[in-house]
Amino acid sequence: MVLFTVSGCTNQEEIEVQNKNETQSNRASTPAESIKNIKNNVQGTLDQIKARDEYQQELAN
């Protein structure tokens, strides 16, 4: 199992995406589904990091 954590969510949408991805990872029944869920979790984490960085950049300007 792979666990990624990003703190500092800036809006409700990010939290909902994270919750959706966590739910999906709990119901994988095949290795292919597990890999797909991991990929989705990683993409969700990258999206959260990007949103956080963009928000911090806005604050810096």
PDB file of N, CA and C in Angstrom:
ATOM      1  N   MET A   1       0.838  -1.178   0.000  1.00  0.00           N
ATOM      2  CA  MET A   1       0.000   0.000   0.000  1.00  0.00           C
ATOM      3  C   MET A   1       0.879   1.235   0.000  1.00  0.00           C
ATOM      4  N   VAL A   2       0.509   2.216  -0.778  1.00  0.00           N
ATOM      5  CA  VAL A   2       1.244   3.467  -0.873  1.00  0.00           C
ATOM      6  C   VAL A   2       0.369   4.563  -0.310  1.00  0.00           C
ATOM      7  N   LEU A   3       0.938   5.400   0.559  1.00  0.00           N
ATOM      8  CA  LEU A   3       0.167   6.481   1.166  1.00  0.00           C
ATOM      9  C   LEU A   3       0.862   7.801   0.889  1.00  0.00           C
ATOM     10  N   PHE A   4       0.128   8.721   0.312  1.00  0.00           N
ATOM     11  CA  PHE A   4       0.634  10.056   0.053  1.00  0.00           C
ATOM     12  C   PHE A   4      -0.175  11.040   0.880  1.00  0.00           C
ATOM     13  N   THR A   5       0.506  11.996   1.480  1.00  0.00           N
ATOM     14  CA  THR A   5      -0.193  13.000   2.270  1.00  0.00           C
ATOM     15  C   THR A   5       0.296  14.374   1.860  1.00  0.00           C
ATOM     16  N   VAL A   6      -0.651  15.246   1.619  1.00  0.00           N
ATOM     17  CA  VAL A   6      -0.333  16.639   1.325  1.00  0.00           C
ATOM     18  C   VAL A   6      -1.148  17.479   2.284  1.00  0.00           C
ATOM     19  N   SER A   7      -0.476  18.315   3.033  1.00  0.00           N
ATOM     20  CA  SER A   7      -1.217  19.166   3.957  1.00  0.00           C
ATOM     21  C   SER A   7      -1.431  20.527   3.323  1.00  0.00           C
ATOM     22  N   GLY A   8      -2.354  21.264   3.878  1.00  0.00           N
ATOM     23  CA  GLY A   8      -2.606  22.609   3.388  1.00  0.00           C
ATOM     24  C   GLY A   8      -3.566  22.671   2.230  1.00  0.00           C
ATOM     25  N   CYS A   9      -4.611  21.872   2.237  1.00  0.00           N
ATOM     26  CA  CYS A   9      -5.621  21.951   1.189  1.00  0.00           C
ATOM     27  C   CYS A   9      -6.204  23.353   1.185  1.00  0.00           C
ATOM     28  N   THR A  10      -6.403  23.890   0.007  1.00  0.00           N
ATOM     29  CA  THR A  10      -6.867  25.268  -0.092  1.00  0.00           C
ATOM     30  C   THR A  10      -8.349  25.383  -0.363  1.00  0.00           C
ATOM     31  N   ASN A  11      -9.013  24.308  -0.723  1.00  0.00           N
ATOM     32  CA  ASN A  11     -10.453  24.413  -0.949  1.00  0.00           C
ATOM     33  C   ASN A  11     -11.131  23.058  -0.799  1.00  0.00           C
ATOM     34  N   GLN A  12     -12.448  23.099  -0.744  1.00  0.00           N
ATOM     35  CA  GLN A  12     -13.247  21.891  -0.526  1.00  0.00           C
ATOM     36  C   GLN A  12     -13.084  20.893  -1.663  1.00  0.00           C
ATOM     37  N   GLU A  13     -12.909  21.380  -2.896  1.00  0.00           N
ATOM     38  CA  GLU A  13     -12.787  20.485  -4.050  1.00  0.00           C
ATOM     39  C   GLU A  13     -11.616  19.525  -3.874  1.00  0.00           C
ATOM     40  N   GLU A  14     -10.494  20.021  -3.372  1.00  0.00           N
ATOM     41  CA  GLU A  14      -9.327  19.161  -3.175  1.00  0.00           C
ATOM     42  C   GLU A  14      -9.628  18.065  -2.154  1.00  0.00           C
ATOM     43  N   ILE A  15     -10.347  18.416  -1.107  1.00  0.00           N
ATOM     44  CA  ILE A  15     -10.686  17.436  -0.082  1.00  0.00           C
ATOM     45  C   ILE A  15     -11.607  16.374  -0.667  1.00  0.00           C
ATOM     46  N   GLU A  16     -12.572  16.801  -1.493  1.00  0.00           N
ATOM     47  CA  GLU A  16     -13.491  15.848  -2.106  1.00  0.00           C
ATOM     48  C   GLU A  16     -12.758  14.909  -3.051  1.00  0.00           C
ATOM     49  N   VAL A  17     -11.793  15.436  -3.810  1.00  0.00           N
ATOM     50  CA  VAL A  17     -11.003  14.592  -4.713  1.00  0.00           C
ATOM     51  C   VAL A  17     -10.224  13.569  -3.900  1.00  0.00           C
ATOM     52  N   GLN A  18      -9.631  14.012  -2.816  1.00  0.00           N
ATOM     53  CA  GLN A  18      -8.865  13.096  -1.971  1.00  0.00           C
ATOM     54  C   GLN A  18      -9.769  12.010  -1.401  1.00  0.00           C
ATOM     55  N   ASN A  19     -10.943  12.388  -0.898  1.00  0.00           N
ATOM     56  CA  ASN A  19     -11.862  11.397  -0.347  1.00  0.00           C
ATOM     57  C   ASN A  19     -12.317  10.415  -1.416  1.00  0.00           C
ATOM     58  N   LYS A  20     -12.572  10.895  -2.626  1.00  0.00           N
ATOM     59  CA  LYS A  20     -12.990  10.026  -3.728  1.00  0.00           C
ATOM     60  C   LYS A  20     -11.897   9.012  -4.036  1.00  0.00           C
ATOM     61  N   ASN A  21     -10.654   9.475  -4.089  1.00  0.00           N
ATOM     62  CA  ASN A  21      -9.549   8.572  -4.393  1.00  0.00           C
ATOM     63  C   ASN A  21      -9.355   7.537  -3.290  1.00  0.00           C
ATOM     64  N   GLU A  22      -9.526   7.938  -2.044  1.00  0.00           N
ATOM     65  CA  GLU A  22      -9.382   6.992  -0.947  1.00  0.00           C
ATOM     66  C   GLU A  22     -10.462   5.923  -1.015  1.00  0.00           C
ATOM     67  N   THR A  23     -11.666   6.320  -1.355  1.00  0.00           N
ATOM     68  CA  THR A  23     -12.762   5.363  -1.479  1.00  0.00           C
ATOM     69  C   THR A  23     -12.476   4.372  -2.594  1.00  0.00           C
ATOM     70  N   GLN A  24     -11.987   4.859  -3.716  1.00  0.00           N
ATOM     71  CA  GLN A  24     -11.686   3.978  -4.839  1.00  0.00           C
ATOM     72  C   GLN A  24     -10.618   2.960  -4.464  1.00  0.00           C
ATOM     73  N   SER A  25      -9.608   3.367  -3.717  1.00  0.00           N
ATOM     74  CA  SER A  25      -8.516   2.453  -3.393  1.00  0.00           C
ATOM     75  C   SER A  25      -8.971   1.330  -2.467  1.00  0.00           C
ATOM     76  N   ASN A  26     -10.052   1.532  -1.747  1.00  0.00           N
ATOM     77  CA  ASN A  26     -10.527   0.510  -0.820  1.00  0.00           C
ATOM     78  C   ASN A  26     -11.285  -0.612  -1.502  1.00  0.00           C
ATOM     79  N   ARG A  27     -11.699  -0.449  -2.747  1.00  0.00           N
ATOM     80  CA  ARG A  27     -12.523  -1.481  -3.369  1.00  0.00           C
ATOM     81  C   ARG A  27     -11.845  -2.171  -4.553  1.00  0.00           C
ATOM     82  N   ALA A  28     -10.549  -2.073  -4.665  1.00  0.00           N
ATOM     83  CA  ALA A  28      -9.835  -2.745  -5.746  1.00  0.00           C
ATOM     84  C   ALA A  28      -9.848  -4.249  -5.499  1.00  0.00           C
ATOM     85  N   SER A  29     -10.156  -4.994  -6.550  1.00  0.00           N
ATOM     86  CA  SER A  29     -10.211  -6.445  -6.382  1.00  0.00           C
ATOM     87  C   SER A  29      -9.199  -7.171  -7.264  1.00  0.00           C
ATOM     88  N   THR A  30      -8.579  -6.477  -8.188  1.00  0.00           N
ATOM     89  CA  THR A  30      -7.574  -7.095  -9.051  1.00  0.00           C
ATOM     90  C   THR A  30      -6.311  -6.241  -9.036  1.00  0.00           C
ATOM     91  N   PRO A  31      -5.179  -6.824  -9.394  1.00  0.00           N
ATOM     92  CA  PRO A  31      -3.945  -6.036  -9.465  1.00  0.00           C
ATOM     93  C   PRO A  31      -4.064  -4.849 -10.431  1.00  0.00           C
ATOM     94  N   ALA A  32      -4.750  -5.049 -11.546  1.00  0.00           N
ATOM     95  CA  ALA A  32      -4.902  -3.952 -12.508  1.00  0.00           C
ATOM     96  C   ALA A  32      -5.690  -2.800 -11.897  1.00  0.00           C
ATOM     97  N   GLU A  33      -6.730  -3.124 -11.134  1.00  0.00           N
ATOM     98  CA  GLU A  33      -7.508  -2.075 -10.471  1.00  0.00           C
ATOM     99  C   GLU A  33      -6.670  -1.378  -9.409  1.00  0.00           C
ATOM    100  N   SER A  34      -5.847  -2.143  -8.709  1.00  0.00           N
ATOM    101  CA  SER A  34      -4.974  -1.557  -7.696  1.00  0.00           C
ATOM    102  C   SER A  34      -4.001  -0.578  -8.328  1.00  0.00           C
ATOM    103  N   ILE A  35      -3.415  -0.964  -9.442  1.00  0.00           N
ATOM    104  CA  ILE A  35      -2.475  -0.089 -10.143  1.00  0.00           C
ATOM    105  C   ILE A  35      -3.185   1.171 -10.613  1.00  0.00           C
ATOM    106  N   LYS A  36      -4.379   1.012 -11.156  1.00  0.00           N
ATOM    107  CA  LYS A  36      -5.152   2.171 -11.612  1.00  0.00           C
ATOM    108  C   LYS A  36      -5.453   3.104 -10.437  1.00  0.00           C
ATOM    109  N   ASN A  37      -5.823   2.533  -9.295  1.00  0.00           N
ATOM    110  CA  ASN A  37      -6.118   3.349  -8.121  1.00  0.00           C
ATOM    111  C   ASN A  37      -4.882   4.085  -7.622  1.00  0.00           C
ATOM    112  N   ILE A  38      -3.746   3.408  -7.631  1.00  0.00           N
ATOM    113  CA  ILE A  38      -2.502   4.060  -7.225  1.00  0.00           C
ATOM    114  C   ILE A  38      -2.199   5.215  -8.167  1.00  0.00           C
ATOM    115  N   LYS A  39      -2.346   4.984  -9.463  1.00  0.00           N
ATOM    116  CA  LYS A  39      -2.120   6.049 -10.446  1.00  0.00           C
ATOM    117  C   LYS A  39      -3.042   7.235 -10.171  1.00  0.00           C
ATOM    118  N   ASN A  40      -4.319   6.951  -9.899  1.00  0.00           N
ATOM    119  CA  ASN A  40      -5.266   8.026  -9.600  1.00  0.00           C
ATOM    120  C   ASN A  40      -4.890   8.760  -8.316  1.00  0.00           C
ATOM    121  N   ASN A  41      -4.433   8.023  -7.316  1.00  0.00           N
ATOM    122  CA  ASN A  41      -4.011   8.654  -6.067  1.00  0.00           C
ATOM    123  C   ASN A  41      -2.803   9.553  -6.287  1.00  0.00           C
ATOM    124  N   VAL A  42      -1.847   9.082  -7.064  1.00  0.00           N
ATOM    125  CA  VAL A  42      -0.662   9.888  -7.353  1.00  0.00           C
ATOM    126  C   VAL A  42      -1.063  11.138  -8.125  1.00  0.00           C
ATOM    127  N   GLN A  43      -1.927  10.989  -9.129  1.00  0.00           N
ATOM    128  CA  GLN A  43      -2.365  12.150  -9.902  1.00  0.00           C
ATOM    129  C   GLN A  43      -3.110  13.133  -9.008  1.00  0.00           C
ATOM    130  N   GLY A  44      -3.939  12.618  -8.117  1.00  0.00           N
ATOM    131  CA  GLY A  44      -4.651  13.490  -7.184  1.00  0.00           C
ATOM    132  C   GLY A  44      -3.690  14.255  -6.289  1.00  0.00           C
ATOM    133  N   THR A  45      -2.655  13.576  -5.833  1.00  0.00           N
ATOM    134  CA  THR A  45      -1.650  14.231  -5.006  1.00  0.00           C
ATOM    135  C   THR A  45      -0.918  15.306  -5.793  1.00  0.00           C
ATOM    136  N   LEU A  46      -0.544  15.002  -7.031  1.00  0.00           N
ATOM    137  CA  LEU A  46       0.128  15.997  -7.864  1.00  0.00           C
ATOM    138  C   LEU A  46      -0.772  17.203  -8.116  1.00  0.00           C
ATOM    139  N   ASP A  47      -2.054  16.959  -8.334  1.00  0.00           N
ATOM    140  CA  ASP A  47      -3.006  18.052  -8.535  1.00  0.00           C
ATOM    141  C   ASP A  47      -3.113  18.920  -7.282  1.00  0.00           C
ATOM    142  N   GLN A  48      -3.107  18.278  -6.120  1.00  0.00           N
ATOM    143  CA  GLN A  48      -3.166  19.031  -4.862  1.00  0.00           C
ATOM    144  C   GLN A  48      -1.913  19.877  -4.674  1.00  0.00           C
ATOM    145  N   ILE A  49      -0.763  19.308  -4.978  1.00  0.00           N
ATOM    146  CA  ILE A  49       0.492  20.049  -4.853  1.00  0.00           C
ATOM    147  C   ILE A  49       0.488  21.238  -5.802  1.00  0.00           C
ATOM    148  N   LYS A  50       0.040  21.024  -7.032  1.00  0.00           N
ATOM    149  CA  LYS A  50      -0.018  22.108  -8.011  1.00  0.00           C
ATOM    150  C   LYS A  50      -0.941  23.221  -7.532  1.00  0.00           C
ATOM    151  N   ALA A  51      -2.121  22.853  -7.036  1.00  0.00           N
ATOM    152  CA  ALA A  51      -3.077  23.854  -6.543  1.00  0.00           C
ATOM    153  C   ALA A  51      -2.492  24.609  -5.354  1.00  0.00           C
ATOM    154  N   ARG A  52      -1.822  23.888  -4.460  1.00  0.00           N
ATOM    155  CA  ARG A  52      -1.213  24.538  -3.301  1.00  0.00           C
ATOM    156  C   ARG A  52      -0.122  25.507  -3.731  1.00  0.00           C
ATOM    157  N   ASP A  53       0.721  25.075  -4.666  1.00  0.00           N
ATOM    158  CA  ASP A  53       1.803  25.930  -5.139  1.00  0.00           C
ATOM    159  C   ASP A  53       1.269  27.169  -5.841  1.00  0.00           C
ATOM    160  N   GLU A  54       0.207  26.997  -6.645  1.00  0.00           N
ATOM    161  CA  GLU A  54      -0.393  28.149  -7.324  1.00  0.00           C
ATOM    162  C   GLU A  54      -0.977  29.125  -6.309  1.00  0.00           C
ATOM    163  N   TYR A  55      -1.610  28.598  -5.275  1.00  0.00           N
ATOM    164  CA  TYR A  55      -2.189  29.442  -4.232  1.00  0.00           C
ATOM    165  C   TYR A  55      -1.085  30.200  -3.494  1.00  0.00           C
ATOM    166  N   GLN A  56      -0.001  29.518  -3.165  1.00  0.00           N
ATOM    167  CA  GLN A  56       1.107  30.171  -2.475  1.00  0.00           C
ATOM    168  C   GLN A  56       1.750  31.229  -3.360  1.00  0.00           C
ATOM    169  N   GLN A  57       1.804  30.968  -4.661  1.00  0.00           N
ATOM    170  CA  GLN A  57       2.358  31.953  -5.592  1.00  0.00           C
ATOM    171  C   GLN A  57       1.476  33.196  -5.627  1.00  0.00           C
ATOM    172  N   GLU A  58       0.148  32.996  -5.611  1.00  0.00           N
ATOM    173  CA  GLU A  58      -0.778  34.131  -5.586  1.00  0.00           C
ATOM    174  C   GLU A  58      -0.585  34.948  -4.315  1.00  0.00           C
ATOM    175  N   LEU A  59      -0.391  34.280  -3.197  1.00  0.00           N
ATOM    176  CA  LEU A  59      -0.180  34.992  -1.939  1.00  0.00           C
ATOM    177  C   LEU A  59       1.118  35.790  -1.964  1.00  0.00           C
ATOM    178  N   ALA A  60       2.119  35.269  -2.649  1.00  0.00           N
ATOM    179  CA  ALA A  60       3.419  35.937  -2.707  1.00  0.00           C
ATOM    180  C   ALA A  60       3.385  37.183  -3.584  1.00  0.00           C
ATOM    181  N   ASN A  61       2.443  37.246  -4.503  1.00  0.00           N
ATOM    182  CA  ASN A  61       2.376  38.401  -5.421  1.00  0.00           C
ATOM    183  C   ASN A  61       1.617  39.540  -4.848  1.00  0.00           C
TER     184      ASN A  61
END
